[in-house]
Amino acid sequence: MTHSYLKELLGSFSDLAILVIGDFFLDRYLEVDPGLAEVSLETGLEARQVVRVRNRPGAAGTVTGNLNALEVGQIRALGVIGEDGQGYDLKAGLHASRVDTRDLMEVSGRVTPTYTKPVLITTGKEMERLDIKNRSPLPRDVEDHILTALENLLEEVHGVIVLDQVQERNCGVITDRVRAGIARLAPEYPHVVFLADSRSHIGLFRNVMVKVNREEALKAVSRNSRTEGGKCLDAAVQSFMERTGRPVYVTLGPEGILCADGEVTDRVPGIPVPHPIDIVGAGDSVSAGIVSALCAGASCLDAARVGVLVSSITIQQIGTTGTASPAQVLQRFEESPQEV
């Protein structure tokens, strides 16, 4: 990849329309000042003092935030939130990052998934998180609405990023029925780039590209397999390609990204960055970079290169979910000690 090609590729992102379907969370950061700590008269326990509250879109909202930072032209959100204050704050954050939320359903009886993250202002270290999630199955009529909206939007977008964040099966937006609908629709729209990322169910996707980390990939290999190390990872990648019929991306942390398209398997090396680093949201930034690049006409390998560049920038942003702009990506490319 040359500097001029990368600049041209990034410049074309403004012409793209990308849909993000899945679990939109609110990330609520509570900045705690330990120097102001009090003791509760009622319980005798420490009462941590919050001096600032920051709200940001999380999970699928982290993906849209990265698409916005990369200056993708149109960003659409398809998902489900509750009729609550967290949903109001989430939509405000999405609107601030140019996300079209017309298809983000507000459903009575559902809560807006929220990660509440106390953070020490002295160190930026995150303390024990408090999670709010839906723990009952998504209603069938809501699934129907999601599938109808998805099919209608496919005529308007260049790419679809599927973000399956909820571990409890069928309790998030990407239920078994919605996943089956995606598998059915993807081959009918070959001009649309589909990429799926899932915390717990990545092995259930079909007919779409998948992005997994090393640990997720290795779970695809039978526990009885006697292959080890690189052979085991190769077997996992092969297993995913057989299941999906599409290219596979495996994030390897500081070692970069493995890209397999069915013909060749290549690894884009990671870019060393100094500590401290914060890997929260790094995978979502990789998804945004890869899909944007693919929609703009990049090869699978060059898309992985963009993913490595983007994530090397986002992990240097401490105590928040980082993003990377085209200017930052170009600068990182210029500073890289080796060819990306």
C-alpha atoms as a PDB file:
ATOM      1  CA  MET A   1       0.000   0.000   0.000  1.00  0.00           C
ATOM      2  CA  THR A   2       1.354   3.416  -0.978  1.00  0.00           C
ATOM      3  CA  HIS A   3       0.713   6.751   0.707  1.00  0.00           C
ATOM      4  CA  SER A   4      -1.070   8.123  -2.365  1.00  0.00           C
ATOM      5  CA  TYR A   5      -3.341   5.081  -2.604  1.00  0.00           C
ATOM      6  CA  LEU A   6      -4.206   5.242   1.091  1.00  0.00           C
ATOM      7  CA  LYS A   7      -5.009   8.936   0.804  1.00  0.00           C
ATOM      8  CA  GLU A   8      -7.261   8.286  -2.188  1.00  0.00           C
ATOM      9  CA  LEU A   9      -8.957   5.386  -0.394  1.00  0.00           C
ATOM     10  CA  LEU A  10      -9.655   7.423   2.724  1.00  0.00           C
ATOM     11  CA  GLY A  11     -10.921  10.319   0.626  1.00  0.00           C
ATOM     12  CA  SER A  12     -13.551   8.099  -0.969  1.00  0.00           C
ATOM     13  CA  PHE A  13     -15.141   7.199   2.378  1.00  0.00           C
ATOM     14  CA  SER A  14     -17.307  10.310   2.148  1.00  0.00           C
ATOM     15  CA  ASP A  15     -19.166   8.728  -0.768  1.00  0.00           C
ATOM     16  CA  LEU A  16     -20.171   5.646   1.232  1.00  0.00           C
ATOM     17  CA  ALA A  17     -23.343   4.665   3.082  1.00  0.00           C
ATOM     18  CA  ILE A  18     -22.858   2.022   5.781  1.00  0.00           C
ATOM     19  CA  LEU A  19     -25.483   0.371   7.979  1.00  0.00           C
ATOM     20  CA  VAL A  20     -24.725  -0.887  11.477  1.00  0.00           C
ATOM     21  CA  ILE A  21     -27.231  -3.431  12.778  1.00  0.00           C
ATOM     22  CA  GLY A  22     -27.147  -4.872  16.262  1.00  0.00           C
ATOM     23  CA  ASP A  23     -26.872  -3.974  19.924  1.00  0.00           C
ATOM     24  CA  PHE A  24     -26.522  -0.266  20.606  1.00  0.00           C
ATOM     25  CA  PHE A  25     -25.380   0.355  24.175  1.00  0.00           C
ATOM     26  CA  LEU A  26     -24.920   3.524  26.163  1.00  0.00           C
ATOM     27  CA  ASP A  27     -21.459   3.826  27.701  1.00  0.00           C
ATOM     28  CA  ARG A  28     -21.851   5.989  30.807  1.00  0.00           C
ATOM     29  CA  TYR A  29     -18.544   7.041  32.359  1.00  0.00           C
ATOM     30  CA  LEU A  30     -18.633   8.224  35.981  1.00  0.00           C
ATOM     31  CA  GLU A  31     -15.430  10.107  36.770  1.00  0.00           C
ATOM     32  CA  VAL A  32     -14.645   9.500  40.449  1.00  0.00           C
ATOM     33  CA  ASP A  33     -12.360  11.703  42.550  1.00  0.00           C
ATOM     34  CA  PRO A  34     -10.907   9.486  45.339  1.00  0.00           C
ATOM     35  CA  GLY A  35      -9.769  12.572  47.205  1.00  0.00           C
ATOM     36  CA  LEU A  36     -13.403  13.516  47.832  1.00  0.00           C
ATOM     37  CA  ALA A  37     -14.507  10.104  49.140  1.00  0.00           C
ATOM     38  CA  GLU A  38     -16.963  10.107  52.025  1.00  0.00           C
ATOM     39  CA  VAL A  39     -18.250   7.453  54.387  1.00  0.00           C
ATOM     40  CA  SER A  40     -21.965   6.777  54.280  1.00  0.00           C
ATOM     41  CA  LEU A  41     -23.541   7.466  57.670  1.00  0.00           C
ATOM     42  CA  GLU A  42     -26.218   4.866  56.939  1.00  0.00           C
ATOM     43  CA  THR A  43     -24.025   1.945  55.882  1.00  0.00           C
ATOM     44  CA  GLY A  44     -20.484   2.821  56.887  1.00  0.00           C
ATOM     45  CA  LEU A  45     -19.387   2.068  53.323  1.00  0.00           C
ATOM     46  CA  GLU A  46     -17.325   4.371  51.135  1.00  0.00           C
ATOM     47  CA  ALA A  47     -19.409   6.761  49.055  1.00  0.00           C
ATOM     48  CA  ARG A  48     -17.441   7.438  45.884  1.00  0.00           C
ATOM     49  CA  GLN A  49     -17.872  10.975  44.625  1.00  0.00           C
ATOM     50  CA  VAL A  50     -18.658  11.459  40.941  1.00  0.00           C
ATOM     51  CA  VAL A  51     -17.401  14.800  39.624  1.00  0.00           C
ATOM     52  CA  ARG A  52     -18.299  14.343  35.958  1.00  0.00           C
ATOM     53  CA  VAL A  53     -20.578  12.151  33.847  1.00  0.00           C
ATOM     54  CA  ARG A  54     -19.740  11.355  30.215  1.00  0.00           C
ATOM     55  CA  ASN A  55     -22.157   9.521  27.919  1.00  0.00           C
ATOM     56  CA  ARG A  56     -21.049   7.873  24.682  1.00  0.00           C
ATOM     57  CA  PRO A  57     -22.646   5.401  22.304  1.00  0.00           C
ATOM     58  CA  GLY A  58     -21.157   1.956  22.937  1.00  0.00           C
ATOM     59  CA  ALA A  59     -21.086  -1.523  21.343  1.00  0.00           C
ATOM     60  CA  ALA A  60     -22.681  -0.947  17.909  1.00  0.00           C
ATOM     61  CA  GLY A  61     -22.462   2.750  18.797  1.00  0.00           C
ATOM     62  CA  THR A  62     -18.695   2.410  19.039  1.00  0.00           C
ATOM     63  CA  VAL A  63     -18.701   1.162  15.445  1.00  0.00           C
ATOM     64  CA  THR A  64     -20.796   4.125  14.253  1.00  0.00           C
ATOM     65  CA  GLY A  65     -18.535   6.493  16.185  1.00  0.00           C
ATOM     66  CA  ASN A  66     -15.533   5.127  14.314  1.00  0.00           C
ATOM     67  CA  LEU A  67     -17.340   5.389  10.981  1.00  0.00           C
ATOM     68  CA  ASN A  68     -18.084   9.020  11.791  1.00  0.00           C
ATOM     69  CA  ALA A  69     -14.449   9.723  12.679  1.00  0.00           C
ATOM     70  CA  LEU A  70     -13.372   8.104   9.392  1.00  0.00           C
ATOM     71  CA  GLU A  71     -15.742  10.548   7.652  1.00  0.00           C
ATOM     72  CA  VAL A  72     -18.026   7.945   6.107  1.00  0.00           C
ATOM     73  CA  GLY A  73     -20.739   9.878   4.282  1.00  0.00           C
ATOM     74  CA  GLN A  74     -23.918   8.228   5.566  1.00  0.00           C
ATOM     75  CA  ILE A  75     -24.214   6.108   8.704  1.00  0.00           C
ATOM     76  CA  ARG A  76     -27.448   4.249   9.474  1.00  0.00           C
ATOM     77  CA  ALA A  77     -28.376   2.541  12.749  1.00  0.00           C
ATOM     78  CA  LEU A  78     -30.747  -0.427  12.986  1.00  0.00           C
ATOM     79  CA  GLY A  79     -31.505  -1.774  16.440  1.00  0.00           C
ATOM     80  CA  VAL A  80     -33.703  -1.676  19.524  1.00  0.00           C
ATOM     81  CA  ILE A  81     -33.596   0.529  22.620  1.00  0.00           C
ATOM     82  CA  GLY A  82     -35.962   1.237  25.496  1.00  0.00           C
ATOM     83  CA  GLU A  83     -38.248   4.164  26.161  1.00  0.00           C
ATOM     84  CA  ASP A  84     -36.004   5.478  28.916  1.00  0.00           C
ATOM     85  CA  GLY A  85     -33.481   8.125  29.845  1.00  0.00           C
ATOM     86  CA  GLN A  86     -30.560   5.971  28.765  1.00  0.00           C
ATOM     87  CA  GLY A  87     -32.134   5.713  25.318  1.00  0.00           C
ATOM     88  CA  TYR A  88     -32.503   9.493  25.171  1.00  0.00           C
ATOM     89  CA  ASP A  89     -28.825   9.973  26.022  1.00  0.00           C
ATOM     90  CA  LEU A  90     -27.801   7.273  23.549  1.00  0.00           C
ATOM     91  CA  LYS A  91     -29.717   8.847  20.675  1.00  0.00           C
ATOM     92  CA  ALA A  92     -28.267  12.258  21.539  1.00  0.00           C
ATOM     93  CA  GLY A  93     -24.774  10.796  21.249  1.00  0.00           C
ATOM     94  CA  LEU A  94     -25.586   9.083  17.975  1.00  0.00           C
ATOM     95  CA  HIS A  95     -27.019  12.272  16.495  1.00  0.00           C
ATOM     96  CA  ALA A  96     -23.886  14.160  17.560  1.00  0.00           C
ATOM     97  CA  SER A  97     -21.864  11.696  15.458  1.00  0.00           C
ATOM     98  CA  ARG A  98     -24.085  12.070  12.367  1.00  0.00           C
ATOM     99  CA  VAL A  99     -25.884   8.731  12.751  1.00  0.00           C
ATOM    100  CA  ASP A 100     -29.321   8.355  11.170  1.00  0.00           C
ATOM    101  CA  THR A 101     -31.462   6.771  13.906  1.00  0.00           C
ATOM    102  CA  ARG A 102     -34.771   6.502  12.061  1.00  0.00           C
ATOM    103  CA  ASP A 103     -34.560   2.723  12.304  1.00  0.00           C
ATOM    104  CA  LEU A 104     -33.478   2.578  15.938  1.00  0.00           C
ATOM    105  CA  MET A 105     -36.693   1.259  17.483  1.00  0.00           C
ATOM    106  CA  GLU A 106     -37.890   2.417  20.906  1.00  0.00           C
ATOM    107  CA  VAL A 107     -39.785  -0.548  22.351  1.00  0.00           C
ATOM    108  CA  SER A 108     -41.894  -0.492  25.484  1.00  0.00           C
ATOM    109  CA  GLY A 109     -40.834  -3.168  27.932  1.00  0.00           C
ATOM    110  CA  ARG A 110     -37.213  -3.230  26.721  1.00  0.00           C
ATOM    111  CA  VAL A 111     -34.367  -1.356  28.423  1.00  0.00           C
ATOM    112  CA  THR A 112     -31.620   0.537  26.679  1.00  0.00           C
ATOM    113  CA  PRO A 113     -28.509  -1.594  27.312  1.00  0.00           C
ATOM    114  CA  THR A 114     -26.061   0.442  29.380  1.00  0.00           C
ATOM    115  CA  TYR A 115     -22.508  -0.054  30.591  1.00  0.00           C
ATOM    116  CA  THR A 116     -21.900   2.185  33.612  1.00  0.00           C
ATOM    117  CA  LYS A 117     -18.150   2.610  34.045  1.00  0.00           C
ATOM    118  CA  PRO A 118     -16.728   4.318  37.151  1.00  0.00           C
ATOM    119  CA  VAL A 119     -13.298   5.730  36.279  1.00  0.00           C
ATOM    120  CA  LEU A 120     -10.684   7.126  38.677  1.00  0.00           C
ATOM    121  CA  ILE A 121      -9.726  10.619  37.533  1.00  0.00           C
ATOM    122  CA  THR A 122      -6.271  10.231  39.081  1.00  0.00           C
ATOM    123  CA  THR A 123      -5.251   7.255  36.928  1.00  0.00           C
ATOM    124  CA  GLY A 124      -7.921   6.833  34.267  1.00  0.00           C
ATOM    125  CA  LYS A 125      -8.373   3.258  35.525  1.00  0.00           C
ATOM    126  CA  GLU A 126     -11.836   1.748  35.136  1.00  0.00           C
ATOM    127  CA  MET A 127     -13.377   0.193  38.248  1.00  0.00           C
ATOM    128  CA  GLU A 128     -16.085  -2.490  38.503  1.00  0.00           C
ATOM    129  CA  ARG A 129     -18.624  -1.999  35.731  1.00  0.00           C
ATOM    130  CA  LEU A 130     -22.395  -2.011  36.198  1.00  0.00           C
ATOM    131  CA  ASP A 131     -24.377  -3.563  33.327  1.00  0.00           C
ATOM    132  CA  ILE A 132     -27.991  -3.071  32.314  1.00  0.00           C
ATOM    133  CA  LYS A 133     -29.177  -5.521  29.640  1.00  0.00           C
ATOM    134  CA  ASN A 134     -32.338  -7.174  28.398  1.00  0.00           C
ATOM    135  CA  ARG A 135     -32.532 -10.708  29.755  1.00  0.00           C
ATOM    136  CA  SER A 136     -35.681 -11.875  27.990  1.00  0.00           C
ATOM    137  CA  PRO A 137     -36.028 -12.870  24.320  1.00  0.00           C
ATOM    138  CA  LEU A 138     -36.648 -10.190  21.718  1.00  0.00           C
ATOM    139  CA  PRO A 139     -40.382 -10.244  20.812  1.00  0.00           C
ATOM    140  CA  ARG A 140     -41.204 -11.835  17.468  1.00  0.00           C
ATOM    141  CA  ASP A 141     -42.944  -8.732  16.101  1.00  0.00           C
ATOM    142  CA  VAL A 142     -39.799  -6.713  16.819  1.00  0.00           C
ATOM    143  CA  GLU A 143     -37.709  -9.318  14.975  1.00  0.00           C
ATOM    144  CA  ASP A 144     -40.087  -8.955  12.027  1.00  0.00           C
ATOM    145  CA  HIS A 145     -39.626  -5.186  12.028  1.00  0.00           C
ATOM    146  CA  ILE A 146     -35.836  -5.521  12.132  1.00  0.00           C
ATOM    147  CA  LEU A 147     -35.798  -7.938   9.193  1.00  0.00           C
ATOM    148  CA  THR A 148     -38.150  -5.794   7.105  1.00  0.00           C
ATOM    149  CA  ALA A 149     -36.123  -2.661   7.801  1.00  0.00           C
ATOM    150  CA  LEU A 150     -32.882  -4.465   6.940  1.00  0.00           C
ATOM    151  CA  GLU A 151     -34.188  -5.637   3.583  1.00  0.00           C
ATOM    152  CA  ASN A 152     -35.463  -2.160   2.742  1.00  0.00           C
ATOM    153  CA  LEU A 153     -32.142  -0.535   3.645  1.00  0.00           C
ATOM    154  CA  LEU A 154     -29.987  -2.873   1.570  1.00  0.00           C
ATOM    155  CA  GLU A 155     -30.858  -0.944  -1.581  1.00  0.00           C
ATOM    156  CA  GLU A 156     -29.420   2.209  -0.015  1.00  0.00           C
ATOM    157  CA  VAL A 157     -26.096   1.115   1.510  1.00  0.00           C
ATOM    158  CA  HIS A 158     -22.687  -0.122   0.412  1.00  0.00           C
ATOM    159  CA  GLY A 159     -21.920  -2.100   3.537  1.00  0.00           C
ATOM    160  CA  VAL A 160     -23.461  -3.713   6.620  1.00  0.00           C
ATOM    161  CA  ILE A 161     -21.679  -4.249   9.921  1.00  0.00           C
ATOM    162  CA  VAL A 162     -23.410  -6.715  12.246  1.00  0.00           C
ATOM    163  CA  LEU A 163     -22.553  -6.244  15.922  1.00  0.00           C
ATOM    164  CA  ASP A 164     -23.834  -9.009  18.218  1.00  0.00           C
ATOM    165  CA  GLN A 165     -22.877  -7.843  21.716  1.00  0.00           C
ATOM    166  CA  VAL A 166     -25.330  -9.625  24.029  1.00  0.00           C
ATOM    167  CA  GLN A 167     -24.143 -12.978  25.348  1.00  0.00           C
ATOM    168  CA  GLU A 168     -27.597 -14.232  26.327  1.00  0.00           C
ATOM    169  CA  ARG A 169     -28.882 -15.963  23.208  1.00  0.00           C
ATOM    170  CA  ASN A 170     -31.888 -14.300  21.528  1.00  0.00           C
ATOM    171  CA  CYS A 171     -32.009 -11.504  24.119  1.00  0.00           C
ATOM    172  CA  GLY A 172     -30.232  -8.967  21.930  1.00  0.00           C
ATOM    173  CA  VAL A 173     -31.055  -7.673  18.458  1.00  0.00           C
ATOM    174  CA  ILE A 174     -29.183 -10.419  16.576  1.00  0.00           C
ATOM    175  CA  THR A 175     -31.437 -13.326  17.434  1.00  0.00           C
ATOM    176  CA  ASP A 176     -31.416 -16.678  15.658  1.00  0.00           C
ATOM    177  CA  ARG A 177     -34.190 -15.465  13.324  1.00  0.00           C
ATOM    178  CA  VAL A 178     -32.429 -12.184  12.561  1.00  0.00           C
ATOM    179  CA  ARG A 179     -29.142 -14.025  11.978  1.00  0.00           C
ATOM    180  CA  ALA A 180     -30.903 -16.409   9.588  1.00  0.00           C
ATOM    181  CA  GLY A 181     -32.414 -13.433   7.777  1.00  0.00           C
ATOM    182  CA  ILE A 182     -28.980 -11.893   7.343  1.00  0.00           C
ATOM    183  CA  ALA A 183     -27.684 -15.203   5.958  1.00  0.00           C
ATOM    184  CA  ARG A 184     -30.575 -15.275   3.497  1.00  0.00           C
ATOM    185  CA  LEU A 185     -30.255 -11.665   2.362  1.00  0.00           C
ATOM    186  CA  ALA A 186     -26.475 -11.395   2.010  1.00  0.00           C
ATOM    187  CA  PRO A 187     -26.206 -13.578  -1.145  1.00  0.00           C
ATOM    188  CA  GLU A 188     -29.109 -11.656  -2.696  1.00  0.00           C
ATOM    189  CA  TYR A 189     -27.097  -8.413  -2.450  1.00  0.00           C
ATOM    190  CA  PRO A 190     -23.604  -9.359  -3.647  1.00  0.00           C
ATOM    191  CA  HIS A 191     -22.676  -5.698  -4.137  1.00  0.00           C
ATOM    192  CA  VAL A 192     -23.128  -5.034  -0.396  1.00  0.00           C
ATOM    193  CA  VAL A 193     -20.231  -5.809   1.966  1.00  0.00           C
ATOM    194  CA  PHE A 194     -21.404  -7.786   5.015  1.00  0.00           C
ATOM    195  CA  LEU A 195     -19.180  -8.282   8.057  1.00  0.00           C
ATOM    196  CA  ALA A 196     -20.241  -9.799  11.399  1.00  0.00           C
ATOM    197  CA  ASP A 197     -18.678  -9.495  14.831  1.00  0.00           C
ATOM    198  CA  SER A 198     -20.096 -11.384  17.813  1.00  0.00           C
ATOM    199  CA  ARG A 199     -19.044 -11.708  21.417  1.00  0.00           C
ATOM    200  CA  SER A 200     -20.469 -15.215  21.912  1.00  0.00           C
ATOM    201  CA  HIS A 201     -22.112 -16.508  18.720  1.00  0.00           C
ATOM    202  CA  ILE A 202     -19.714 -15.844  15.853  1.00  0.00           C
ATOM    203  CA  GLY A 203     -19.753 -19.515  14.816  1.00  0.00           C
ATOM    204  CA  LEU A 204     -23.468 -19.272  13.968  1.00  0.00           C
ATOM    205  CA  PHE A 205     -23.098 -16.770  11.113  1.00  0.00           C
ATOM    206  CA  ARG A 206     -23.323 -17.870   7.493  1.00  0.00           C
ATOM    207  CA  ASN A 207     -22.785 -16.181   4.100  1.00  0.00           C
ATOM    208  CA  VAL A 208     -21.036 -13.114   5.573  1.00  0.00           C
ATOM    209  CA  MET A 209     -17.458 -12.194   6.372  1.00  0.00           C
ATOM    210  CA  VAL A 210     -16.568 -12.531  10.030  1.00  0.00           C
ATOM    211  CA  LYS A 211     -14.072 -10.703  12.216  1.00  0.00           C
ATOM    212  CA  VAL A 212     -12.861 -12.599  15.281  1.00  0.00           C
ATOM    213  CA  ASN A 213     -10.052 -12.287  17.774  1.00  0.00           C
ATOM    214  CA  ARG A 214      -7.552 -15.079  18.297  1.00  0.00           C
ATOM    215  CA  GLU A 215      -9.400 -16.570  21.285  1.00  0.00           C
ATOM    216  CA  GLU A 216     -12.730 -16.615  19.453  1.00  0.00           C
ATOM    217  CA  ALA A 217     -11.119 -18.252  16.451  1.00  0.00           C
ATOM    218  CA  LEU A 218      -9.522 -21.011  18.511  1.00  0.00           C
ATOM    219  CA  LYS A 219     -12.899 -21.878  20.036  1.00  0.00           C
ATOM    220  CA  ALA A 220     -13.995 -22.881  16.556  1.00  0.00           C
ATOM    221  CA  VAL A 221     -11.601 -25.821  16.716  1.00  0.00           C
ATOM    222  CA  SER A 222     -12.774 -28.934  18.541  1.00  0.00           C
ATOM    223  CA  ARG A 223     -11.426 -29.360  22.051  1.00  0.00           C
ATOM    224  CA  ASN A 224     -10.312 -32.799  20.954  1.00  0.00           C
ATOM    225  CA  SER A 225      -8.080 -31.385  18.246  1.00  0.00           C
ATOM    226  CA  ARG A 226      -4.416 -32.190  18.761  1.00  0.00           C
ATOM    227  CA  THR A 227      -3.199 -29.336  16.594  1.00  0.00           C
ATOM    228  CA  GLU A 228      -1.314 -26.616  18.409  1.00  0.00           C
ATOM    229  CA  GLY A 229      -0.104 -23.069  17.901  1.00  0.00           C
ATOM    230  CA  GLY A 230      -0.232 -21.808  14.343  1.00  0.00           C
ATOM    231  CA  LYS A 231      -1.704 -25.054  13.019  1.00  0.00           C
ATOM    232  CA  CYS A 232      -4.605 -24.711  15.408  1.00  0.00           C
ATOM    233  CA  LEU A 233      -5.280 -21.147  14.278  1.00  0.00           C
ATOM    234  CA  ASP A 234      -5.042 -22.203  10.638  1.00  0.00           C
ATOM    235  CA  ALA A 235      -7.627 -24.895  11.314  1.00  0.00           C
ATOM    236  CA  ALA A 236      -9.905 -22.358  12.956  1.00  0.00           C
ATOM    237  CA  VAL A 237      -9.658 -19.977  10.004  1.00  0.00           C
ATOM    238  CA  GLN A 238     -10.385 -22.815   7.592  1.00  0.00           C
ATOM    239  CA  SER A 239     -13.391 -23.805   9.699  1.00  0.00           C
ATOM    240  CA  PHE A 240     -14.814 -20.287   9.534  1.00  0.00           C
ATOM    241  CA  MET A 241     -14.334 -20.051   5.773  1.00  0.00           C
ATOM    242  CA  GLU A 242     -16.100 -23.385   5.280  1.00  0.00           C
ATOM    243  CA  ARG A 243     -19.017 -22.190   7.407  1.00  0.00           C
ATOM    244  CA  THR A 244     -19.381 -18.753   5.863  1.00  0.00           C
ATOM    245  CA  GLY A 245     -17.998 -19.079   2.338  1.00  0.00           C
ATOM    246  CA  ARG A 246     -16.498 -15.623   2.840  1.00  0.00           C
ATOM    247  CA  PRO A 247     -13.155 -14.061   3.868  1.00  0.00           C
ATOM    248  CA  VAL A 248     -12.159 -14.142   7.524  1.00  0.00           C
ATOM    249  CA  TYR A 249     -10.300 -11.550   9.598  1.00  0.00           C
ATOM    250  CA  VAL A 250      -8.581 -12.550  12.840  1.00  0.00           C
ATOM    251  CA  THR A 251      -7.262  -9.840  15.143  1.00  0.00           C
ATOM    252  CA  LEU A 252      -4.045 -10.859  16.885  1.00  0.00           C
ATOM    253  CA  GLY A 253      -3.526  -7.998  19.333  1.00  0.00           C
ATOM    254  CA  PRO A 254      -0.056  -6.456  18.949  1.00  0.00           C
ATOM    255  CA  GLU A 255       0.765  -9.035  16.264  1.00  0.00           C
ATOM    256  CA  GLY A 256      -1.685  -7.428  13.824  1.00  0.00           C
ATOM    257  CA  ILE A 257      -4.474  -8.957  11.735  1.00  0.00           C
ATOM    258  CA  LEU A 258      -4.682 -12.251   9.866  1.00  0.00           C
ATOM    259  CA  CYS A 259      -6.600 -12.044   6.594  1.00  0.00           C
ATOM    260  CA  ALA A 260      -7.800 -15.151   4.728  1.00  0.00           C
ATOM    261  CA  ASP A 261      -9.824 -14.919   1.521  1.00  0.00           C
ATOM    262  CA  GLY A 262      -9.957 -18.584   0.529  1.00  0.00           C
ATOM    263  CA  GLU A 263      -6.981 -18.358  -1.812  1.00  0.00           C
ATOM    264  CA  VAL A 264      -4.225 -16.920   0.361  1.00  0.00           C
ATOM    265  CA  THR A 265      -3.748 -16.157   4.029  1.00  0.00           C
ATOM    266  CA  ASP A 266      -1.678 -13.129   4.965  1.00  0.00           C
ATOM    267  CA  ARG A 267      -0.816 -11.368   8.187  1.00  0.00           C
ATOM    268  CA  VAL A 268      -0.549  -7.615   8.457  1.00  0.00           C
ATOM    269  CA  PRO A 269       1.870  -6.945  11.318  1.00  0.00           C
ATOM    270  CA  GLY A 270       0.814  -4.746  14.202  1.00  0.00           C
ATOM    271  CA  ILE A 271       2.210  -1.258  14.726  1.00  0.00           C
ATOM    272  CA  PRO A 272       4.096  -0.909  18.020  1.00  0.00           C
ATOM    273  CA  VAL A 273       2.821   1.951  20.180  1.00  0.00           C
ATOM    274  CA  PRO A 274       4.083   3.047  23.604  1.00  0.00           C
ATOM    275  CA  HIS A 275       2.165   2.309  26.790  1.00  0.00           C
ATOM    276  CA  PRO A 276      -0.213   3.095  28.354  1.00  0.00           C
ATOM    277  CA  ILE A 277      -2.820   1.703  25.998  1.00  0.00           C
ATOM    278  CA  ASP A 278      -6.557   0.992  26.304  1.00  0.00           C
ATOM    279  CA  ILE A 279      -7.877  -1.787  24.066  1.00  0.00           C
ATOM    280  CA  VAL A 280     -11.575  -1.120  24.826  1.00  0.00           C
ATOM    281  CA  GLY A 281     -13.349  -0.715  21.488  1.00  0.00           C
ATOM    282  CA  ALA A 282     -10.271  -1.601  19.427  1.00  0.00           C
ATOM    283  CA  GLY A 283     -12.081  -4.453  17.673  1.00  0.00           C
ATOM    284  CA  ASP A 284     -14.964  -2.160  16.744  1.00  0.00           C
ATOM    285  CA  SER A 285     -12.548   0.326  15.209  1.00  0.00           C
ATOM    286  CA  VAL A 286     -11.027  -2.514  13.177  1.00  0.00           C
ATOM    287  CA  SER A 287     -14.485  -3.454  11.852  1.00  0.00           C
ATOM    288  CA  ALA A 288     -15.185   0.155  10.858  1.00  0.00           C
ATOM    289  CA  GLY A 289     -11.856   0.471   9.075  1.00  0.00           C
ATOM    290  CA  ILE A 290     -12.083  -2.858   7.250  1.00  0.00           C
ATOM    291  CA  VAL A 291     -15.645  -2.409   5.994  1.00  0.00           C
ATOM    292  CA  SER A 292     -15.106   1.211   4.949  1.00  0.00           C
ATOM    293  CA  ALA A 293     -12.037   0.188   2.972  1.00  0.00           C
ATOM    294  CA  LEU A 294     -13.766  -2.794   1.341  1.00  0.00           C
ATOM    295  CA  CYS A 295     -16.763  -0.656   0.366  1.00  0.00           C
ATOM    296  CA  ALA A 296     -14.339   1.818  -1.211  1.00  0.00           C
ATOM    297  CA  GLY A 297     -12.861  -0.949  -3.373  1.00  0.00           C
ATOM    298  CA  ALA A 298      -9.845  -2.073  -1.347  1.00  0.00           C
ATOM    299  CA  SER A 299      -8.606  -5.652  -1.457  1.00  0.00           C
ATOM    300  CA  CYS A 300      -9.094  -7.851   1.600  1.00  0.00           C
ATOM    301  CA  LEU A 301      -5.437  -7.383   2.512  1.00  0.00           C
ATOM    302  CA  ASP A 302      -5.433  -3.607   2.105  1.00  0.00           C
ATOM    303  CA  ALA A 303      -8.612  -3.439   4.200  1.00  0.00           C
ATOM    304  CA  ALA A 304      -6.754  -5.315   6.950  1.00  0.00           C
ATOM    305  CA  ARG A 305      -3.952  -2.766   6.670  1.00  0.00           C
ATOM    306  CA  VAL A 306      -6.460   0.020   7.261  1.00  0.00           C
ATOM    307  CA  GLY A 307      -7.800  -1.899  10.259  1.00  0.00           C
ATOM    308  CA  VAL A 308      -4.307  -2.134  11.773  1.00  0.00           C
ATOM    309  CA  LEU A 309      -3.667   1.583  11.259  1.00  0.00           C
ATOM    310  CA  VAL A 310      -6.986   2.600  12.795  1.00  0.00           C
ATOM    311  CA  SER A 311      -6.681   0.359  15.851  1.00  0.00           C
ATOM    312  CA  SER A 312      -3.109   1.507  16.547  1.00  0.00           C
ATOM    313  CA  ILE A 313      -4.543   4.997  17.031  1.00  0.00           C
ATOM    314  CA  THR A 314      -7.659   4.119  19.022  1.00  0.00           C
ATOM    315  CA  ILE A 315      -5.807   2.087  21.664  1.00  0.00           C
ATOM    316  CA  GLN A 316      -3.772   5.139  22.635  1.00  0.00           C
ATOM    317  CA  GLN A 317      -6.889   6.931  23.873  1.00  0.00           C
ATOM    318  CA  ILE A 318      -7.179   6.133  27.583  1.00  0.00           C
ATOM    319  CA  GLY A 319     -10.420   5.876  29.560  1.00  0.00           C
ATOM    320  CA  THR A 320     -12.669   6.145  26.530  1.00  0.00           C
ATOM    321  CA  THR A 321     -13.484   4.288  23.331  1.00  0.00           C
ATOM    322  CA  GLY A 322     -11.086   5.766  20.812  1.00  0.00           C
ATOM    323  CA  THR A 323     -11.572   6.791  17.204  1.00  0.00           C
ATOM    324  CA  ALA A 324      -9.269   7.675  14.316  1.00  0.00           C
ATOM    325  CA  SER A 325      -9.644  10.322  11.628  1.00  0.00           C
ATOM    326  CA  PRO A 326      -8.333  10.012   8.058  1.00  0.00           C
ATOM    327  CA  ALA A 327      -5.635  12.588   8.873  1.00  0.00           C
ATOM    328  CA  GLN A 328      -4.502  10.515  11.864  1.00  0.00           C
ATOM    329  CA  VAL A 329      -4.471   7.339   9.780  1.00  0.00           C
ATOM    330  CA  LEU A 330      -2.282   8.978   7.141  1.00  0.00           C
ATOM    331  CA  GLN A 331       0.071  10.336   9.782  1.00  0.00           C
ATOM    332  CA  ARG A 332       0.383   6.930  11.452  1.00  0.00           C
ATOM    333  CA  PHE A 333       1.154   5.383   8.049  1.00  0.00           C
ATOM    334  CA  GLU A 334       3.933   7.939   7.556  1.00  0.00           C
ATOM    335  CA  GLU A 335       5.347   7.296  11.046  1.00  0.00           C
ATOM    336  CA  SER A 336       5.229   3.503  10.864  1.00  0.00           C
ATOM    337  CA  PRO A 337       8.699   1.969  11.158  1.00  0.00           C
ATOM    338  CA  GLN A 338       7.772  -0.783   8.726  1.00  0.00           C
ATOM    339  CA  GLU A 339       5.557  -1.085   5.682  1.00  0.00           C
ATOM    340  CA  VAL A 340       1.981  -1.700   6.791  1.00  0.00           C
END
